[in-house]
Structures are given as structure tokens and as C-alpha cells.
Amino acid sequence: MVELRQLRYFLAVAEERSFTRAAALLHVSQPTLSQQIRALERSVRAPLFHREPAGVRLTEAGTALLEPAQRAVVGVADGVRAARDAIGTGGGTLRVGFSTGGAADLVASILPAWQRAASEVRLVLRELTVGGLYTALLEDRIDVALTRLPLDPERHEWTVLTTEPRVLALSARHPLADAGAAVPLAEVLTLAMPRIEDVPTIRDYWLLNEHRGGRPPRQRGVTVTSPAEMAYLILQDPSVVAVGPRTARGLSPLADLRFVELSEIPPVPFVVAARRHDRRAAVLAFRQVASTVARRLRDVSTPAGDRPGEAAVIGPGRVTGAGAGRAHG
């Protein structure tokens, strides 16, 4: 997913037809601007500008991106204004938790948008594990979490911002390392997995216990408490595999680790979450900003005609489909 900052930089270059003038307009260095444009081009998998001695002009891909980028930036600005109106003039503090590797591009767009919406609200950031975010919400150590499911629908409430496939992490020496296509769920359930020390709900989710018909998973090795420990366990014992989100592929520095997508299994949702019945203005406004940013960036990233509906809202014990729910605030 692209970042709002990248879209703003893209629009400035398109308007000025010059990296130099756009950098001056944005008050950033030209190398910084160029780096962000290259990152955007990697995200859309196409060059956006023809760079010529007389200046720059849009490529075909750049022309196609122009209108969606404008809609996204304007739409987020409208959402920010609505959130600011909802908060009013009140100050206070908002404690926001997030995890390393959790939809980093999206988080990098949500937090600046929120600060524009609520500059008078002191923002306190807490970087925690996914399990840490789960318990920190329950224990009132943070007010809002940008995290992955699962959460407790009786005590948490959340809005789905995006989803990503689940993948199988395994050693390069494992027989499935070169499987290529996605691995069937039935085959994964027979494999040995790590002993995970985490919140039981989260541990069960990543061990795929809901698909095992009550039969316990086959587990090996010492108990692990972090993705890094899990990765090293897999390398020490190539018979062990682990399930994680697709973004885990970019987090591991270990060259001997491989990732294969899973089939026949739902993707993992990335959400903005709070405690149930927390209707404070700042909490509701943050959820509104996060949902607006995610929706607008999804519109840019997803081809027309293949776009999902509005972000789903999760209530007690159920998941409402896309477009069926209403985000509070």
C-alpha cells in the first residue's frame, strides 16, 4: 500500500513539472523527494514520470494515477476536518499502540493525518508485540491499537483497515521450501510448529487450532516469545514451520528462511481497535481518521471495478461484511 506522503509528493511534481520546484514547494530536499517517488513507483510497479532535460512529464501510468491520487488526498483532508470538528477544542492525551511490521506504510500515513486533525491532543506512541497490544488495551495502558486480529469481541471493538494473506515460514531445507504455489491447509496441519508463549487467543490463531477439530498441534523445540526466536528455531530444526502474515517476508534478515502462501485459509485483518464502549471523542475521531486513510489508499491501490466496500465494523461475536457496518465517530 502506498503512503499519503508519497501521493502528495507525486502531485507536487506533476503540478510543477520539476523535481527541483516541487522539492522547494514541499520544503524537502530533492534527494528525499526523488526517493519517495521511486518508492511510489515500486508500489505501483511502473514509472510515473519521463525525466527529460526540459523537465518531467507524466507517463501513461502517471496519468492514470493522477485522478485517484487527487481524490485520495482531498478525501483524507475532508476526513481530517470531520475528525477535528468531532473532537472540538478539547485537548488531552491519546495513547496509540502499534507493532513492528504491522502494515507499516498504512501506519505511516495514519499517524501524520491524525496529528493534523488533532494537534491539540498529545499523542503518546507505544510499540508492542501483537500480544502486548491485546493486553494493553484490556488493561487501559493504551487507548487505541493498530494491530492484527484476533481480538476479544466481548471486550474490544475494531474496524478492519486492510487484510493480508497468511504465509508459512520454513527453512530452505524443508521439503516445501520450493513448493511455489500455495500450500494446502490440510498439509500444513500435519507439520510441526513452535511452542508459542503468547495470549491464548493469539497463540491458537497462529497455530491454526480452529481448523484442527480439537486435535492439538504437533509442537517442537523450546518455547518462543518473538518472531526472531521463532525464525532461529526454524533454522535450528528444519522440520518446524510457523504461520505468519505476508509482511513477515520483509522482516526476517535470515537468508535461509523461506515463505510460502497458504491456501484455503482467510487472510489476517489489520484493524484499528479500542475497548468496547469507549466513546471518547478522541478515540472515535482516531478510528475515523484511520478508516478514512485506509479507504482512500485502498482506492488508489486497487484497480477500478475490483474495489472492496467500506471497512467492516466488528461487534460482539460477529463480523459484519464489507459495507454492512458503520464506523463509530
Protein backbone atom coordinates (compact mmCIF):
# COMPACT_ATOMS: atom_id res chain seq x y z
CA MET A 1 0.00 0.00 0.00
CA VAL A 2 1.24 3.48 -0.85
CA GLU A 3 1.67 6.32 1.66
CA LEU A 4 -0.23 9.61 1.60
CA ARG A 5 3.07 11.47 1.74
CA GLN A 6 4.12 9.79 -1.50
CA LEU A 7 0.88 10.82 -3.19
CA ARG A 8 1.36 14.43 -2.09
CA TYR A 9 4.91 14.39 -3.44
CA PHE A 10 3.70 12.85 -6.70
CA LEU A 11 1.02 15.53 -7.13
CA ALA A 12 3.53 18.31 -6.45
CA VAL A 13 5.94 17.02 -9.12
CA ALA A 14 3.06 16.55 -11.58
CA GLU A 15 1.89 20.13 -10.95
CA GLU A 16 5.31 21.78 -11.04
CA ARG A 17 6.73 19.50 -13.77
CA SER A 18 10.02 19.75 -11.94
CA PHE A 19 11.58 17.85 -9.04
CA THR A 20 13.52 20.97 -8.02
CA ARG A 21 10.46 23.25 -7.84
CA ALA A 22 8.36 20.54 -6.18
CA ALA A 23 11.00 19.97 -3.51
CA ALA A 24 11.10 23.70 -2.75
CA LEU A 25 7.29 23.83 -2.56
CA LEU A 26 7.22 20.86 -0.18
CA HIS A 27 10.18 22.11 1.91
CA VAL A 28 12.08 18.84 1.47
CA SER A 29 15.39 18.04 -0.15
CA GLN A 30 15.40 16.90 -3.77
CA PRO A 31 17.03 13.53 -2.86
CA THR A 32 14.24 12.92 -0.33
CA LEU A 33 11.59 13.76 -2.91
CA SER A 34 13.22 11.51 -5.52
CA GLN A 35 13.49 8.65 -3.04
CA GLN A 36 9.77 8.85 -2.20
CA ILE A 37 8.77 8.98 -5.86
CA ARG A 38 10.89 5.90 -6.55
CA ALA A 39 9.19 4.13 -3.62
CA LEU A 40 5.80 5.05 -5.06
CA GLU A 41 6.86 3.75 -8.48
CA ARG A 42 7.86 0.45 -6.86
CA SER A 43 4.43 0.23 -5.21
CA VAL A 44 2.54 0.81 -8.47
CA ARG A 45 5.13 -1.22 -10.41
CA ALA A 46 5.53 1.36 -13.14
CA PRO A 47 7.49 4.59 -13.83
CA LEU A 48 5.35 7.66 -13.23
CA PHE A 49 7.45 10.37 -14.90
CA HIS A 50 9.50 10.79 -18.03
CA ARG A 51 12.62 12.60 -16.83
CA GLU A 52 13.83 14.91 -19.59
CA PRO A 53 16.30 17.84 -19.81
CA ALA A 54 13.42 20.31 -20.05
CA GLY A 55 11.64 18.90 -17.01
CA VAL A 56 9.37 15.96 -16.31
CA ARG A 57 6.10 14.79 -17.75
CA LEU A 58 3.70 12.05 -16.72
CA THR A 59 3.96 8.58 -18.17
CA GLU A 60 0.82 6.65 -19.03
CA ALA A 61 0.87 5.13 -15.55
CA GLY A 62 1.37 8.57 -14.00
CA THR A 63 -1.61 9.95 -15.89
CA ALA A 64 -3.73 7.03 -14.69
CA LEU A 65 -2.66 7.66 -11.09
CA LEU A 66 -3.26 11.41 -11.14
CA GLU A 67 -7.03 11.49 -10.52
CA PRO A 68 -7.10 8.69 -7.88
CA ALA A 69 -4.23 10.41 -6.06
CA GLN A 70 -6.09 13.71 -6.05
CA ARG A 71 -9.25 12.04 -4.73
CA ALA A 72 -7.27 10.29 -2.00
CA VAL A 73 -5.53 13.43 -0.77
CA VAL A 74 -8.72 15.51 -0.85
CA GLY A 75 -10.75 12.72 0.76
CA VAL A 76 -8.32 12.34 3.64
CA ALA A 77 -8.29 16.12 4.14
CA ASP A 78 -12.10 16.06 4.38
CA GLY A 79 -11.89 13.22 6.89
CA VAL A 80 -9.33 15.11 8.95
CA ARG A 81 -11.60 18.16 9.07
CA ALA A 82 -14.55 16.00 10.15
CA ALA A 83 -12.46 14.42 12.90
CA ARG A 84 -11.27 17.84 14.07
CA ASP A 85 -14.86 19.03 14.28
CA ALA A 86 -15.82 15.93 16.27
CA ILE A 87 -13.04 16.50 18.78
CA GLY A 88 -13.82 20.19 19.18
CA THR A 89 -11.33 22.27 21.11
CA GLY A 90 -10.59 19.70 23.80
CA GLY A 91 -7.03 18.63 24.45
CA GLY A 92 -5.92 15.65 26.49
CA THR A 93 -3.77 12.65 25.64
CA LEU A 94 -4.31 9.73 23.28
CA ARG A 95 -2.17 6.61 23.74
CA VAL A 96 -1.78 4.69 20.48
CA GLY A 97 -0.16 1.26 20.29
CA PHE A 98 1.33 -0.38 17.21
CA SER A 99 3.62 -3.29 16.41
CA THR A 100 6.77 -3.52 14.32
CA GLY A 101 5.96 -4.66 10.79
CA GLY A 102 2.21 -4.18 11.23
CA ALA A 103 1.13 -2.56 7.92
CA ALA A 104 3.95 -0.04 8.29
CA ASP A 105 3.04 2.01 5.19
CA LEU A 106 -0.52 2.42 6.42
CA VAL A 107 0.55 3.36 9.95
CA ALA A 108 2.99 5.88 8.45
CA SER A 109 0.03 7.59 6.76
CA ILE A 110 -2.47 7.37 9.63
CA LEU A 111 -0.33 8.96 12.34
CA PRO A 112 0.50 12.21 10.45
CA ALA A 113 -3.14 12.53 9.35
CA TRP A 114 -4.22 12.20 12.96
CA GLN A 115 -1.73 14.83 14.11
CA ARG A 116 -3.14 17.24 11.51
CA ALA A 117 -6.64 16.51 12.79
CA ALA A 118 -5.84 16.85 16.48
CA SER A 119 -2.70 18.86 17.06
CA GLU A 120 -4.03 19.88 20.47
CA VAL A 121 -4.26 16.23 21.59
CA ARG A 122 -0.98 14.92 22.98
CA LEU A 123 -0.09 11.72 21.10
CA VAL A 124 1.76 9.02 23.03
CA LEU A 125 3.03 6.08 20.95
CA ARG A 126 3.70 2.62 22.33
CA GLU A 127 5.46 -0.06 20.24
CA LEU A 128 4.42 -3.51 21.47
CA THR A 129 4.05 -7.07 20.23
CA VAL A 130 0.65 -8.13 18.91
CA GLY A 131 0.03 -9.96 22.20
CA GLY A 132 1.18 -6.88 24.08
CA LEU A 133 -1.32 -4.71 22.21
CA TYR A 134 -4.09 -7.18 23.07
CA THR A 135 -3.47 -6.97 26.81
CA ALA A 136 -2.50 -3.27 26.85
CA LEU A 137 -5.96 -2.39 25.55
CA LEU A 138 -7.66 -4.53 28.18
CA GLU A 139 -5.51 -3.13 30.97
CA ASP A 140 -6.08 0.50 29.90
CA ARG A 141 -2.41 1.10 29.14
CA ILE A 142 -3.27 2.30 25.62
CA ASP A 143 -6.46 3.80 24.20
CA VAL A 144 -6.24 2.65 20.58
CA ALA A 145 -4.29 -0.12 18.82
CA LEU A 146 -3.23 -0.50 15.21
CA THR A 147 -2.88 -4.26 15.17
CA ARG A 148 -3.87 -7.57 13.65
CA LEU A 149 -6.72 -9.78 14.70
CA PRO A 150 -7.66 -11.79 16.64
CA LEU A 151 -9.04 -9.68 19.48
CA ASP A 152 -11.81 -10.34 22.02
CA PRO A 153 -15.17 -9.24 20.54
CA GLU A 154 -16.68 -9.07 24.03
CA ARG A 155 -14.10 -6.55 25.22
CA HIS A 156 -12.62 -4.99 22.08
CA GLU A 157 -14.21 -3.20 19.16
CA TRP A 158 -12.45 -2.66 15.86
CA THR A 159 -12.66 -1.55 12.25
CA VAL A 160 -10.86 -3.54 9.55
CA LEU A 161 -8.44 -1.33 7.62
CA THR A 162 -6.84 -3.89 5.29
CA THR A 163 -6.07 -7.60 5.07
CA GLU A 164 -3.06 -9.68 4.06
CA PRO A 165 -2.58 -13.37 3.28
CA ARG A 166 -1.08 -15.72 5.83
CA VAL A 167 2.16 -17.42 4.86
CA LEU A 168 4.15 -20.42 6.00
CA ALA A 169 7.68 -19.65 7.23
CA LEU A 170 10.07 -22.56 6.86
CA SER A 171 13.70 -23.47 6.43
CA ALA A 172 15.22 -23.53 2.95
CA ARG A 173 15.96 -27.21 3.72
CA HIS A 174 12.28 -28.06 4.27
CA PRO A 175 10.66 -30.18 1.51
CA LEU A 176 8.02 -27.46 0.94
CA ALA A 177 10.54 -24.63 0.58
CA ASP A 178 10.31 -24.74 -3.22
CA ALA A 179 6.61 -25.54 -3.38
CA GLY A 180 6.00 -22.44 -5.48
CA ALA A 181 2.19 -22.42 -5.38
CA ALA A 182 0.27 -22.03 -2.13
CA VAL A 183 0.39 -24.93 0.32
CA PRO A 184 -2.97 -26.63 1.11
CA LEU A 185 -4.19 -26.20 4.67
CA ALA A 186 -4.57 -29.96 5.23
CA GLU A 187 -0.87 -30.46 4.54
CA VAL A 188 0.13 -27.66 6.92
CA LEU A 189 -1.88 -29.17 9.79
CA THR A 190 0.36 -32.24 9.80
CA LEU A 191 3.57 -30.24 10.24
CA ALA A 192 5.43 -29.49 13.49
CA MET A 193 5.09 -25.93 14.81
CA PRO A 194 6.81 -23.93 17.57
CA ARG A 195 5.68 -23.72 21.18
CA ILE A 196 4.41 -20.13 21.34
CA GLU A 197 4.20 -18.13 24.55
CA ASP A 198 1.51 -15.52 23.94
CA VAL A 199 -2.09 -14.59 24.71
CA PRO A 200 -4.05 -17.87 24.27
CA THR A 201 -6.40 -16.35 21.67
CA ILE A 202 -3.48 -15.19 19.53
CA ARG A 203 -1.49 -18.39 20.04
CA ASP A 204 -4.44 -20.52 18.94
CA TYR A 205 -4.97 -18.35 15.86
CA TRP A 206 -1.40 -18.69 14.57
CA LEU A 207 -1.27 -22.40 15.40
CA LEU A 208 -4.42 -22.82 13.26
CA ASN A 209 -6.21 -24.55 16.16
CA GLU A 210 -9.65 -23.57 14.90
CA HIS A 211 -9.03 -25.81 11.87
CA ARG A 212 -7.80 -28.86 13.81
CA GLY A 213 -11.12 -30.26 15.01
CA GLY A 214 -9.99 -30.27 18.64
CA ARG A 215 -6.75 -32.15 17.95
CA PRO A 216 -3.68 -30.38 19.41
CA PRO A 217 -0.90 -29.25 17.06
CA ARG A 218 2.38 -31.13 16.92
CA GLN A 219 4.90 -28.80 18.58
CA ARG A 220 8.68 -28.99 18.88
CA GLY A 221 11.57 -27.05 20.38
CA VAL A 222 11.82 -24.57 23.21
CA THR A 223 9.08 -22.02 23.86
CA VAL A 224 9.48 -18.88 21.73
CA THR A 225 8.25 -15.38 22.54
CA SER A 226 9.08 -13.35 19.41
CA PRO A 227 9.25 -13.67 15.62
CA ALA A 228 13.06 -13.59 15.79
CA GLU A 229 13.18 -16.51 18.24
CA MET A 230 10.74 -18.38 16.02
CA ALA A 231 12.92 -17.79 12.95
CA TYR A 232 16.04 -19.11 14.66
CA LEU A 233 14.14 -22.14 15.95
CA ILE A 234 13.09 -22.96 12.38
CA LEU A 235 16.68 -22.74 11.21
CA GLN A 236 17.88 -24.96 14.06
CA ASP A 237 15.17 -27.55 13.39
CA PRO A 238 14.17 -27.56 9.68
CA SER A 239 11.18 -29.81 10.45
CA VAL A 240 9.45 -26.91 12.25
CA VAL A 241 7.31 -24.39 10.37
CA ALA A 242 5.37 -21.31 11.51
CA VAL A 243 2.40 -19.33 10.22
CA GLY A 244 2.62 -15.54 9.96
CA PRO A 245 1.36 -12.55 7.96
CA ARG A 246 2.78 -11.94 4.49
CA THR A 247 4.65 -8.83 5.67
CA ALA A 248 6.85 -11.20 7.72
CA ARG A 249 8.75 -11.84 4.50
CA GLY A 250 10.26 -8.38 4.71
CA LEU A 251 11.09 -8.58 8.41
CA SER A 252 13.43 -11.55 8.54
CA PRO A 253 17.12 -10.91 7.80
CA LEU A 254 17.76 -14.65 7.62
CA ALA A 255 18.66 -15.74 4.10
CA ASP A 256 17.84 -19.39 4.80
CA LEU A 257 14.20 -18.66 5.67
CA ARG A 258 11.53 -19.20 3.00
CA PHE A 259 7.88 -18.08 2.85
CA VAL A 260 5.06 -19.88 1.02
CA GLU A 261 1.49 -18.61 0.90
CA LEU A 262 -1.28 -20.71 2.41
CA SER A 263 -4.41 -21.64 0.52
CA GLU A 264 -7.93 -22.39 1.82
CA ILE A 265 -7.48 -20.03 4.78
CA PRO A 266 -8.80 -16.49 5.29
CA PRO A 267 -6.35 -13.57 5.26
CA VAL A 268 -5.47 -11.84 8.52
CA PRO A 269 -7.19 -8.46 9.06
CA PHE A 270 -5.27 -5.37 10.17
CA VAL A 271 -7.50 -3.17 12.31
CA VAL A 272 -7.83 -0.05 14.40
CA ALA A 273 -9.16 -1.20 17.77
CA ALA A 274 -10.31 0.23 21.09
CA ARG A 275 -12.06 -1.03 24.20
CA ARG A 276 -15.74 -1.71 23.73
CA HIS A 277 -18.00 1.18 24.71
CA ASP A 278 -15.11 3.67 24.70
CA ARG A 279 -16.91 6.62 23.12
CA ARG A 280 -14.48 9.39 23.98
CA ALA A 281 -14.25 11.94 21.18
CA ALA A 282 -10.54 11.46 20.57
CA VAL A 283 -10.85 7.65 20.35
CA LEU A 284 -13.76 7.83 17.91
CA ALA A 285 -12.02 10.50 15.85
CA PHE A 286 -8.81 8.49 15.62
CA ARG A 287 -10.79 5.49 14.36
CA GLN A 288 -12.49 7.73 11.81
CA VAL A 289 -9.17 9.12 10.55
CA ALA A 290 -7.62 5.65 10.35
CA SER A 291 -10.59 4.28 8.43
CA THR A 292 -10.64 7.24 6.01
CA VAL A 293 -6.91 6.99 5.29
CA ALA A 294 -7.09 3.23 4.73
CA ARG A 295 -10.11 3.51 2.43
CA ARG A 296 -8.59 6.28 0.32
CA LEU A 297 -5.26 4.50 -0.04
CA ARG A 298 -7.06 1.28 -0.91
CA ASP A 299 -8.90 3.14 -3.68
CA VAL A 300 -5.54 4.21 -5.11
CA SER A 301 -4.01 0.75 -4.80
CA THR A 302 -6.96 -1.27 -6.12
CA PRO A 303 -8.00 -1.15 -9.80
CA ALA A 304 -11.42 0.34 -10.53
CA GLY A 305 -14.14 -2.30 -10.63
CA ASP A 306 -12.28 -4.52 -8.16
CA ARG A 307 -12.55 -2.37 -5.04
CA PRO A 308 -13.95 -3.73 -1.79
CA GLY A 309 -16.70 -1.97 0.08
CA GLU A 310 -16.37 0.18 3.16
CA ALA A 311 -14.25 -1.05 6.03
CA ALA A 312 -16.11 -3.62 8.11
CA VAL A 313 -17.03 -2.91 11.72
CA ILE A 314 -16.72 -5.75 14.20
CA GLY A 315 -19.20 -6.11 17.02
CA PRO A 316 -19.69 -8.68 19.77
CA GLY A 317 -19.13 -12.17 18.41
CA ARG A 318 -19.64 -11.42 14.74
CA VAL A 319 -18.01 -9.91 11.67
CA THR A 320 -20.18 -7.66 9.54
CA GLY A 321 -19.43 -7.80 5.85
CA ALA A 322 -17.92 -5.04 3.79
CA GLY A 323 -20.29 -2.11 3.66
CA ALA A 324 -22.66 -3.68 6.20
CA GLY A 325 -21.41 -1.85 9.26
CA ARG A 326 -20.95 1.74 10.31
CA ALA A 327 -17.74 3.06 11.86
CA HIS A 328 -18.40 4.98 15.02
CA GLY A 329 -17.36 8.62 15.03
